Amino acid sequence: YYYDAATGLLTFTTDDFSPFTVVTSDSAFNGGDGTEANPYLIATGKQALAMEKGKGCFKLVNDVVVTDEIYLSGKTCVLDLNGHSIKLEYADGVKPNNGSVLYIGGKKGNLTINDSSASQTGAVYGSNKTYTNKVTSAVRAGNYGKLTINGGHFYGTSEGTSCIFVYTSMSSGSKATVTINGGSFETATPSG
């Protein structure tokens, strides 16, 4: 058999006519169960957007483009870029809210980003559109959010952008926490 992760098609060929059983999954992802040993696999932008409804561990198996921001607030998630990229290209009619590909915030909101690939080519690309009074970014950490980056390339690609945008209120108890243990960060034209 052959499974094409890009299309989701499973092709079987047989040498004889012996019966076989196909078990399918109703998972929004390309496989996996969300554990560290068997993360949810993401092969399309639609599957990446479905991360909002899941929690646990996710792993890119293709380069993907998402048409809206991905909110991961109030839960613990680990994203392995796995040498692939995730890029935000807003769909027509989609209004930016936070301006980032990935958003983590809220109490119990905890996002860790890794790149397990040998080539270390995993990347997160912010939107290349510029908006008045909006700082676009690859990742945004909001109040209470905890963000840990262990690897990957993070690109801000619009005018007045940032790689990682950290939003905090005046209250020290609700500030976002960002820990960077590795990775590369690049902006087209930095905000401020």
Protein backbone atom coordinates (compact mmCIF):
# COMPACT_ATOMS: atom_id res chain seq x y z
CA TYR A 1 0.00 0.00 0.00
CA TYR A 2 1.01 3.64 -0.40
CA TYR A 3 -0.24 6.62 1.60
CA ASP A 4 0.13 10.10 0.10
CA ALA A 5 0.25 12.52 3.04
CA ALA A 6 -0.31 15.53 0.79
CA THR A 7 -3.61 14.26 -0.63
CA GLY A 8 -4.73 11.84 2.08
CA LEU A 9 -5.18 9.08 -0.51
CA LEU A 10 -4.39 5.52 0.43
CA THR A 11 -3.68 3.21 -2.52
CA PHE A 12 -3.74 -0.58 -2.18
CA THR A 13 -2.41 -3.07 -4.66
CA THR A 14 -2.65 -6.81 -4.12
CA ASP A 15 -0.93 -9.85 -5.62
CA ASP A 16 -4.04 -11.94 -5.14
CA PHE A 17 -7.65 -11.45 -4.17
CA SER A 18 -7.35 -12.25 -0.49
CA PRO A 19 -9.76 -10.17 1.59
CA PHE A 20 -8.35 -7.36 3.71
CA THR A 21 -9.84 -4.87 6.14
CA VAL A 22 -9.28 -1.13 6.03
CA VAL A 23 -9.73 0.75 9.29
CA THR A 24 -10.17 4.50 8.91
CA SER A 25 -10.05 7.27 11.45
CA ASP A 26 -12.36 10.24 11.88
CA SER A 27 -9.46 12.27 13.27
CA ALA A 28 -9.01 15.79 11.96
CA PHE A 29 -5.30 15.01 11.65
CA ASN A 30 -3.16 12.89 9.36
CA GLY A 31 -2.59 10.29 12.07
CA GLY A 32 -1.30 10.05 15.61
CA ASP A 33 -3.03 10.28 18.95
CA GLY A 34 -1.51 13.48 20.37
CA THR A 35 1.00 11.83 22.69
CA GLU A 36 4.72 12.56 22.72
CA ALA A 37 5.46 9.10 21.28
CA ASN A 38 2.73 9.36 18.62
CA PRO A 39 1.95 13.05 17.91
CA TYR A 40 -0.92 14.23 15.75
CA LEU A 41 0.47 14.55 12.21
CA ILE A 42 -0.23 17.73 10.25
CA ALA A 43 -0.03 17.57 6.45
CA THR A 44 -2.40 20.40 5.41
CA GLY A 45 -3.36 23.91 6.43
CA LYS A 46 -6.81 22.65 7.39
CA GLN A 47 -5.23 20.15 9.79
CA ALA A 48 -3.01 22.90 11.23
CA LEU A 49 -6.10 25.02 11.92
CA ALA A 50 -7.66 22.00 13.68
CA MET A 51 -4.91 22.29 16.32
CA GLU A 52 -7.26 24.81 17.98
CA LYS A 53 -9.62 21.96 18.89
CA GLY A 54 -6.90 19.57 20.04
CA LYS A 55 -4.22 19.52 22.66
CA GLY A 56 -1.07 17.54 23.21
CA CYS A 57 1.71 16.98 20.69
CA PHE A 58 1.62 17.92 17.00
CA LYS A 59 4.16 17.30 14.23
CA LEU A 60 4.35 18.83 10.75
CA VAL A 61 4.85 16.27 7.97
CA ASN A 62 4.55 18.80 5.10
CA ASP A 63 5.00 22.51 4.56
CA VAL A 64 1.59 24.07 5.23
CA VAL A 65 -0.17 27.38 4.66
CA VAL A 66 -2.95 28.48 7.00
CA THR A 67 -5.59 31.03 6.06
CA ASP A 68 -6.25 32.26 9.59
CA GLU A 69 -4.55 32.50 12.98
CA ILE A 70 -4.21 29.41 15.19
CA TYR A 71 -5.34 29.91 18.81
CA LEU A 72 -3.88 27.48 21.33
CA SER A 73 -4.91 29.25 24.52
CA GLY A 74 -5.70 27.62 27.83
CA LYS A 75 -4.02 24.27 27.07
CA THR A 76 -0.62 22.65 26.77
CA CYS A 77 0.65 21.97 23.24
CA VAL A 78 3.97 20.92 21.73
CA LEU A 79 4.61 21.61 18.04
CA ASP A 80 7.46 19.85 16.25
CA LEU A 81 8.24 21.71 13.03
CA ASN A 82 10.12 18.59 11.87
CA GLY A 83 12.02 20.52 9.17
CA HIS A 84 8.79 21.88 7.64
CA SER A 85 7.22 25.33 7.57
CA ILE A 86 3.91 26.82 8.58
CA LYS A 87 2.97 30.11 6.94
CA LEU A 88 0.04 32.50 7.46
CA GLU A 89 -1.67 33.84 4.33
CA TYR A 90 -4.99 35.38 5.37
CA ALA A 91 -7.93 34.27 3.24
CA ASP A 92 -10.02 36.98 1.59
CA GLY A 93 -12.40 38.42 4.14
CA VAL A 94 -10.46 37.16 7.16
CA LYS A 95 -9.70 40.05 9.50
CA PRO A 96 -6.53 39.69 11.58
CA ASN A 97 -7.10 39.57 15.31
CA ASN A 98 -3.72 39.00 16.95
CA GLY A 99 -1.74 39.07 13.71
CA SER A 100 0.25 35.90 14.37
CA VAL A 101 0.43 32.40 12.95
CA LEU A 102 0.32 30.88 16.45
CA TYR A 103 -1.18 32.47 19.55
CA ILE A 104 -0.76 31.22 23.11
CA GLY A 105 -2.33 32.90 26.11
CA GLY A 106 -4.70 32.43 28.97
CA LYS A 107 -4.24 30.59 32.22
CA LYS A 108 -2.82 27.11 31.61
CA GLY A 109 -1.75 28.21 28.10
CA ASN A 110 1.62 26.59 27.38
CA LEU A 111 3.19 26.17 23.92
CA THR A 112 6.56 24.54 23.19
CA ILE A 113 8.01 24.71 19.67
CA ASN A 114 10.74 22.27 18.60
CA ASP A 115 12.44 21.30 15.35
CA SER A 116 13.50 17.65 15.48
CA SER A 117 14.88 17.63 11.92
CA ALA A 118 18.59 17.01 11.36
CA SER A 119 18.67 19.92 8.89
CA GLN A 120 16.98 22.30 11.35
CA THR A 121 14.93 23.88 8.54
CA GLY A 122 11.60 24.12 10.38
CA ALA A 123 10.07 27.60 10.13
CA VAL A 124 7.12 29.78 11.11
CA TYR A 125 6.33 32.63 8.69
CA GLY A 126 4.15 35.53 9.78
CA SER A 127 1.76 37.20 7.34
CA ASN A 128 3.33 39.51 4.76
CA LYS A 129 0.34 41.88 4.92
CA THR A 130 0.66 45.15 6.82
CA TYR A 131 -2.20 46.48 8.94
CA THR A 132 -2.64 49.85 10.65
CA ASN A 133 -2.06 49.60 14.41
CA LYS A 134 -1.37 45.85 14.19
CA VAL A 135 1.98 44.17 14.68
CA THR A 136 2.03 40.90 12.77
CA SER A 137 4.35 38.15 13.96
CA ALA A 138 5.20 34.48 13.69
CA VAL A 139 4.12 33.74 17.29
CA ARG A 140 2.29 35.87 19.83
CA ALA A 141 2.25 35.27 23.58
CA GLY A 142 -0.68 36.91 25.34
CA ASN A 143 -1.48 37.40 29.02
CA TYR A 144 -0.64 34.37 31.18
CA GLY A 145 0.73 32.50 28.13
CA LYS A 146 3.91 30.46 28.41
CA LEU A 147 5.98 30.03 25.24
CA THR A 148 9.13 27.91 24.99
CA ILE A 149 11.16 27.84 21.79
CA ASN A 150 13.78 25.13 21.45
CA GLY A 151 14.39 25.43 17.71
CA GLY A 152 13.09 26.62 14.37
CA HIS A 153 13.30 29.76 12.27
CA PHE A 154 10.80 32.53 12.98
CA TYR A 155 10.15 35.17 10.34
CA GLY A 156 8.24 38.42 10.52
CA THR A 157 7.58 39.34 6.88
CA SER A 158 5.39 42.48 6.88
CA GLU A 159 6.16 46.17 7.49
CA GLY A 160 6.68 46.92 11.18
CA THR A 161 6.66 43.29 12.24
CA SER A 162 8.18 41.07 14.89
CA CYS A 163 9.17 37.42 15.13
CA ILE A 164 7.79 36.85 18.61
CA PHE A 165 5.32 39.41 19.92
CA VAL A 166 4.79 39.41 23.67
CA TYR A 167 1.69 41.14 25.00
CA THR A 168 1.47 41.87 28.68
CA SER A 169 -0.85 43.93 30.80
CA MET A 170 0.28 46.19 33.61
CA SER A 171 -0.31 43.40 36.14
CA SER A 172 2.86 41.41 36.76
CA GLY A 173 0.79 38.35 37.67
CA SER A 174 -0.66 38.03 34.17
CA LYS A 175 2.45 38.67 32.09
CA ALA A 176 3.42 36.24 29.37
CA THR A 177 6.56 34.17 29.84
CA VAL A 178 8.85 33.44 26.90
CA THR A 179 11.84 31.10 27.13
CA ILE A 180 14.15 30.82 24.12
CA ASN A 181 16.61 27.91 24.16
CA GLY A 182 17.36 27.91 20.45
CA GLY A 183 16.16 29.02 17.04
CA SER A 184 16.71 31.84 14.56
CA PHE A 185 14.72 35.07 14.37
CA GLU A 186 14.46 37.43 11.42
CA THR A 187 12.23 40.35 10.49
CA ALA A 188 11.73 42.18 7.21
CA THR A 189 11.32 45.57 8.93
CA PRO A 190 11.17 45.40 12.75
CA SER A 191 8.44 47.06 14.78
CA GLY A 192 10.07 49.80 16.84
